[in-house]
Amino acid sequence: MDDSALLEAFEQHEGSSKDFYLNVGPADIGGEPAPWDSAVFAERLRRDVEAVLSLTFDLIRGAADPTEGHTYWYESGERSVSLQVDDPEEGDPFPFGKVPALLIIRSRSEEVATWELAAGLYRDLCSLGTYFILAETKHGDLVTANFDVGDDW
């Protein structure tokens, strides 16, 4: 998907949803599902998000609890970012079992809309080639995905 189509996919939902959720999981390796380790995946995704967004998560507020997953926060006058990585739940419906991490970015700026931040983060994480990403509105409307999610939306 080219940049203009990607921006349009996010922008068309601006009126109905101020929040966009990026559901993230490890991309397949050689056609096979990547091995899952929530701690390793959380650390890798955290580092990649920090690099893409040029920020450092507040690790003092972050939690690494094996029963509650891994949670990281970042807040500034311009944006807030939250990342929650949990193990997939038994029986999670497809495609959500493939993308157990939840990444939310919100604009606090008058100059940049949340949909623009979300589209840029989606694009930049997809460009790494190591993640499956499904973007949806807070109401569960599919925005886009970089893998086949089927027709059941």
C-alpha atoms as a PDB file:
ATOM      1  CA  MET A   1       0.000   0.000   0.000  1.00  0.00           C
ATOM      2  CA  ASP A   2       1.475   3.345  -1.008  1.00  0.00           C
ATOM      3  CA  ASP A   3       1.662   6.262   1.436  1.00  0.00           C
ATOM      4  CA  SER A   4      -1.342   8.151   0.043  1.00  0.00           C
ATOM      5  CA  ALA A   5      -3.589   5.056   0.213  1.00  0.00           C
ATOM      6  CA  LEU A   6      -2.357   4.345   3.730  1.00  0.00           C
ATOM      7  CA  LEU A   7      -3.066   7.889   4.897  1.00  0.00           C
ATOM      8  CA  GLU A   8      -6.505   7.737   3.289  1.00  0.00           C
ATOM      9  CA  ALA A   9      -7.264   4.429   5.036  1.00  0.00           C
ATOM     10  CA  PHE A  10      -6.627   6.037   8.438  1.00  0.00           C
ATOM     11  CA  GLU A  11      -8.091   9.467   7.657  1.00  0.00           C
ATOM     12  CA  GLN A  12     -11.445   8.044   6.536  1.00  0.00           C
ATOM     13  CA  HIS A  13     -12.034   6.845  10.108  1.00  0.00           C
ATOM     14  CA  GLU A  14     -11.142  10.156  11.763  1.00  0.00           C
ATOM     15  CA  GLY A  15     -14.768  11.221  12.236  1.00  0.00           C
ATOM     16  CA  SER A  16     -15.892   7.970  13.830  1.00  0.00           C
ATOM     17  CA  SER A  17     -12.846   7.153  15.942  1.00  0.00           C
ATOM     18  CA  LYS A  18     -10.297   9.337  17.638  1.00  0.00           C
ATOM     19  CA  ASP A  19      -8.281   6.277  18.704  1.00  0.00           C
ATOM     20  CA  PHE A  20      -6.569   3.724  16.503  1.00  0.00           C
ATOM     21  CA  TYR A  21      -5.274   0.416  17.837  1.00  0.00           C
ATOM     22  CA  LEU A  22      -2.276  -1.280  16.281  1.00  0.00           C
ATOM     23  CA  ASN A  23      -2.386  -4.987  17.093  1.00  0.00           C
ATOM     24  CA  VAL A  24       1.137  -6.369  16.620  1.00  0.00           C
ATOM     25  CA  GLY A  25       2.691  -9.827  16.509  1.00  0.00           C
ATOM     26  CA  PRO A  26       5.812 -11.480  15.126  1.00  0.00           C
ATOM     27  CA  ALA A  27       5.828 -12.065  11.372  1.00  0.00           C
ATOM     28  CA  ASP A  28       6.139 -15.600  10.068  1.00  0.00           C
ATOM     29  CA  ILE A  29       9.635 -16.873   9.369  1.00  0.00           C
ATOM     30  CA  GLY A  30      10.006 -18.868   6.181  1.00  0.00           C
ATOM     31  CA  GLY A  31       6.254 -19.411   6.028  1.00  0.00           C
ATOM     32  CA  GLU A  32       6.108 -20.822   9.566  1.00  0.00           C
ATOM     33  CA  PRO A  33       4.796 -19.023  12.674  1.00  0.00           C
ATOM     34  CA  ALA A  34       7.562 -17.305  14.612  1.00  0.00           C
ATOM     35  CA  PRO A  35       8.301 -18.783  18.037  1.00  0.00           C
ATOM     36  CA  TRP A  36       6.528 -16.888  20.826  1.00  0.00           C
ATOM     37  CA  ASP A  37       8.183 -15.556  23.960  1.00  0.00           C
ATOM     38  CA  SER A  38       6.290 -12.585  25.398  1.00  0.00           C
ATOM     39  CA  ALA A  39       9.287 -11.130  27.267  1.00  0.00           C
ATOM     40  CA  VAL A  40      11.578 -11.286  24.235  1.00  0.00           C
ATOM     41  CA  PHE A  41       8.881  -9.947  21.908  1.00  0.00           C
ATOM     42  CA  ALA A  42       7.971  -7.118  24.319  1.00  0.00           C
ATOM     43  CA  GLU A  43      11.599  -6.033  24.565  1.00  0.00           C
ATOM     44  CA  ARG A  44      12.135  -6.108  20.783  1.00  0.00           C
ATOM     45  CA  LEU A  45       8.900  -4.252  20.001  1.00  0.00           C
ATOM     46  CA  ARG A  46       9.589  -1.689  22.746  1.00  0.00           C
ATOM     47  CA  ARG A  47      13.052  -0.968  21.313  1.00  0.00           C
ATOM     48  CA  ASP A  48      11.700  -0.710  17.762  1.00  0.00           C
ATOM     49  CA  VAL A  49       8.876   1.655  18.761  1.00  0.00           C
ATOM     50  CA  GLU A  50      11.335   3.809  20.698  1.00  0.00           C
ATOM     51  CA  ALA A  51      13.631   3.981  17.646  1.00  0.00           C
ATOM     52  CA  VAL A  52      10.826   4.697  15.168  1.00  0.00           C
ATOM     53  CA  LEU A  53       9.278   7.415  17.344  1.00  0.00           C
ATOM     54  CA  SER A  54      12.545   8.785  18.802  1.00  0.00           C
ATOM     55  CA  LEU A  55      11.342   8.419  22.384  1.00  0.00           C
ATOM     56  CA  THR A  56      12.129   6.474  25.513  1.00  0.00           C
ATOM     57  CA  PHE A  57       9.318   4.716  27.322  1.00  0.00           C
ATOM     58  CA  ASP A  58       8.939   5.500  31.000  1.00  0.00           C
ATOM     59  CA  LEU A  59      10.287   2.222  32.319  1.00  0.00           C
ATOM     60  CA  ILE A  60       9.667   3.256  35.913  1.00  0.00           C
ATOM     61  CA  ARG A  61       5.966   3.158  35.095  1.00  0.00           C
ATOM     62  CA  GLY A  62       6.417   0.108  32.895  1.00  0.00           C
ATOM     63  CA  ALA A  63       5.538  -3.252  34.361  1.00  0.00           C
ATOM     64  CA  ALA A  64       6.934  -6.678  33.608  1.00  0.00           C
ATOM     65  CA  ASP A  65       4.622  -9.056  35.422  1.00  0.00           C
ATOM     66  CA  PRO A  66       4.457 -12.606  34.018  1.00  0.00           C
ATOM     67  CA  THR A  67       0.744 -12.833  34.835  1.00  0.00           C
ATOM     68  CA  GLU A  68      -0.188  -9.393  33.512  1.00  0.00           C
ATOM     69  CA  GLY A  69       2.105  -9.040  30.498  1.00  0.00           C
ATOM     70  CA  HIS A  70       4.442  -6.169  29.783  1.00  0.00           C
ATOM     71  CA  THR A  71       3.212  -2.575  29.823  1.00  0.00           C
ATOM     72  CA  TYR A  72       5.094   0.556  28.755  1.00  0.00           C
ATOM     73  CA  TRP A  73       4.014   4.212  28.691  1.00  0.00           C
ATOM     74  CA  TYR A  74       5.253   7.440  27.207  1.00  0.00           C
ATOM     75  CA  GLU A  75       3.660  10.859  27.628  1.00  0.00           C
ATOM     76  CA  SER A  76       4.634  14.309  26.432  1.00  0.00           C
ATOM     77  CA  GLY A  77       2.880  17.513  25.472  1.00  0.00           C
ATOM     78  CA  GLU A  78       2.716  16.308  21.861  1.00  0.00           C
ATOM     79  CA  ARG A  79       1.698  12.636  22.165  1.00  0.00           C
ATOM     80  CA  SER A  80       1.094   9.665  24.370  1.00  0.00           C
ATOM     81  CA  VAL A  81       2.022   6.082  23.538  1.00  0.00           C
ATOM     82  CA  SER A  82       1.074   2.887  25.332  1.00  0.00           C
ATOM     83  CA  LEU A  83       2.259  -0.646  24.618  1.00  0.00           C
ATOM     84  CA  GLN A  84       0.785  -3.781  26.176  1.00  0.00           C
ATOM     85  CA  VAL A  85       2.203  -7.220  25.336  1.00  0.00           C
ATOM     86  CA  ASP A  86       0.385 -10.290  26.626  1.00  0.00           C
ATOM     87  CA  ASP A  87       0.480 -13.940  25.724  1.00  0.00           C
ATOM     88  CA  PRO A  88      -2.209 -14.879  23.201  1.00  0.00           C
ATOM     89  CA  GLU A  89      -5.337 -16.200  24.893  1.00  0.00           C
ATOM     90  CA  GLU A  90      -6.363 -19.783  24.240  1.00  0.00           C
ATOM     91  CA  GLY A  91      -9.117 -19.651  21.650  1.00  0.00           C
ATOM     92  CA  ASP A  92      -8.405 -16.083  20.482  1.00  0.00           C
ATOM     93  CA  PRO A  93     -10.238 -15.713  17.182  1.00  0.00           C
ATOM     94  CA  PHE A  94      -8.190 -15.330  14.041  1.00  0.00           C
ATOM     95  CA  PRO A  95      -6.464 -12.979  13.389  1.00  0.00           C
ATOM     96  CA  PHE A  96      -6.085 -11.658  16.942  1.00  0.00           C
ATOM     97  CA  GLY A  97      -4.136 -14.696  18.143  1.00  0.00           C
ATOM     98  CA  LYS A  98      -1.403 -13.672  15.678  1.00  0.00           C
ATOM     99  CA  VAL A  99      -1.174 -10.101  16.995  1.00  0.00           C
ATOM    100  CA  PRO A 100      -1.336 -10.186  20.822  1.00  0.00           C
ATOM    101  CA  ALA A 101       0.390  -6.834  21.465  1.00  0.00           C
ATOM    102  CA  LEU A 102      -1.648  -3.624  21.610  1.00  0.00           C
ATOM    103  CA  LEU A 103       0.006  -0.345  20.646  1.00  0.00           C
ATOM    104  CA  ILE A 104      -1.882   2.942  20.931  1.00  0.00           C
ATOM    105  CA  ILE A 105      -0.589   6.379  19.985  1.00  0.00           C
ATOM    106  CA  ARG A 106      -2.555   9.592  20.600  1.00  0.00           C
ATOM    107  CA  SER A 107      -1.821  13.107  19.508  1.00  0.00           C
ATOM    108  CA  ARG A 108      -1.986  15.916  22.043  1.00  0.00           C
ATOM    109  CA  SER A 109      -1.049  18.481  19.414  1.00  0.00           C
ATOM    110  CA  GLU A 110      -3.288  20.886  17.538  1.00  0.00           C
ATOM    111  CA  GLU A 111      -1.075  20.526  14.445  1.00  0.00           C
ATOM    112  CA  VAL A 112      -1.002  16.721  14.049  1.00  0.00           C
ATOM    113  CA  ALA A 113      -4.044  14.450  14.195  1.00  0.00           C
ATOM    114  CA  THR A 114      -3.985  11.073  15.922  1.00  0.00           C
ATOM    115  CA  TRP A 115      -4.760   9.304  12.651  1.00  0.00           C
ATOM    116  CA  GLU A 116      -1.588  10.817  11.148  1.00  0.00           C
ATOM    117  CA  LEU A 117       0.561   9.556  14.019  1.00  0.00           C
ATOM    118  CA  ALA A 118      -1.049   6.113  13.868  1.00  0.00           C
ATOM    119  CA  ALA A 119      -0.580   5.878  10.080  1.00  0.00           C
ATOM    120  CA  GLY A 120       3.075   6.872  10.352  1.00  0.00           C
ATOM    121  CA  LEU A 121       3.749   4.392  13.145  1.00  0.00           C
ATOM    122  CA  TYR A 122       1.989   1.624  11.198  1.00  0.00           C
ATOM    123  CA  ARG A 123       4.003   2.418   8.053  1.00  0.00           C
ATOM    124  CA  ASP A 124       7.336   2.583   9.859  1.00  0.00           C
ATOM    125  CA  LEU A 125       6.814  -0.660  11.805  1.00  0.00           C
ATOM    126  CA  CYS A 126       5.660  -2.452   8.631  1.00  0.00           C
ATOM    127  CA  SER A 127       8.829  -1.291   6.864  1.00  0.00           C
ATOM    128  CA  LEU A 128      10.915  -3.297   9.368  1.00  0.00           C
ATOM    129  CA  GLY A 129       9.455  -6.504   7.920  1.00  0.00           C
ATOM    130  CA  THR A 130       9.426  -8.303  11.273  1.00  0.00           C
ATOM    131  CA  TYR A 131       5.853  -7.709  12.430  1.00  0.00           C
ATOM    132  CA  PHE A 132       2.311  -8.591  11.526  1.00  0.00           C
ATOM    133  CA  ILE A 133       0.219  -5.473  12.191  1.00  0.00           C
ATOM    134  CA  LEU A 134      -3.532  -5.037  12.136  1.00  0.00           C
ATOM    135  CA  ALA A 135      -4.812  -1.478  12.536  1.00  0.00           C
ATOM    136  CA  GLU A 136      -8.367  -0.974  13.764  1.00  0.00           C
ATOM    137  CA  THR A 137     -10.510   1.775  15.216  1.00  0.00           C
ATOM    138  CA  LYS A 138     -11.551   1.672  18.845  1.00  0.00           C
ATOM    139  CA  HIS A 139     -14.946   0.493  17.549  1.00  0.00           C
ATOM    140  CA  GLY A 140     -13.401  -2.565  15.873  1.00  0.00           C
ATOM    141  CA  ASP A 141     -13.492  -1.308  12.292  1.00  0.00           C
ATOM    142  CA  LEU A 142     -10.589  -2.613  10.216  1.00  0.00           C
ATOM    143  CA  VAL A 143      -8.338   0.165   8.916  1.00  0.00           C
ATOM    144  CA  THR A 144      -5.643  -1.986   7.302  1.00  0.00           C
ATOM    145  CA  ALA A 145      -3.366  -4.957   7.917  1.00  0.00           C
ATOM    146  CA  ASN A 146      -0.098  -6.131   6.437  1.00  0.00           C
ATOM    147  CA  PHE A 147      -1.265  -9.765   6.361  1.00  0.00           C
ATOM    148  CA  ASP A 148      -4.391 -11.549   5.181  1.00  0.00           C
ATOM    149  CA  VAL A 149      -7.067 -11.155   7.865  1.00  0.00           C
ATOM    150  CA  GLY A 150      -9.893 -12.722   5.859  1.00  0.00           C
ATOM    151  CA  ASP A 151     -13.260 -11.312   4.888  1.00  0.00           C
ATOM    152  CA  ASP A 152     -15.110 -11.547   8.225  1.00  0.00           C
ATOM    153  CA  TRP A 153     -14.960  -7.847   9.124  1.00  0.00           C
END
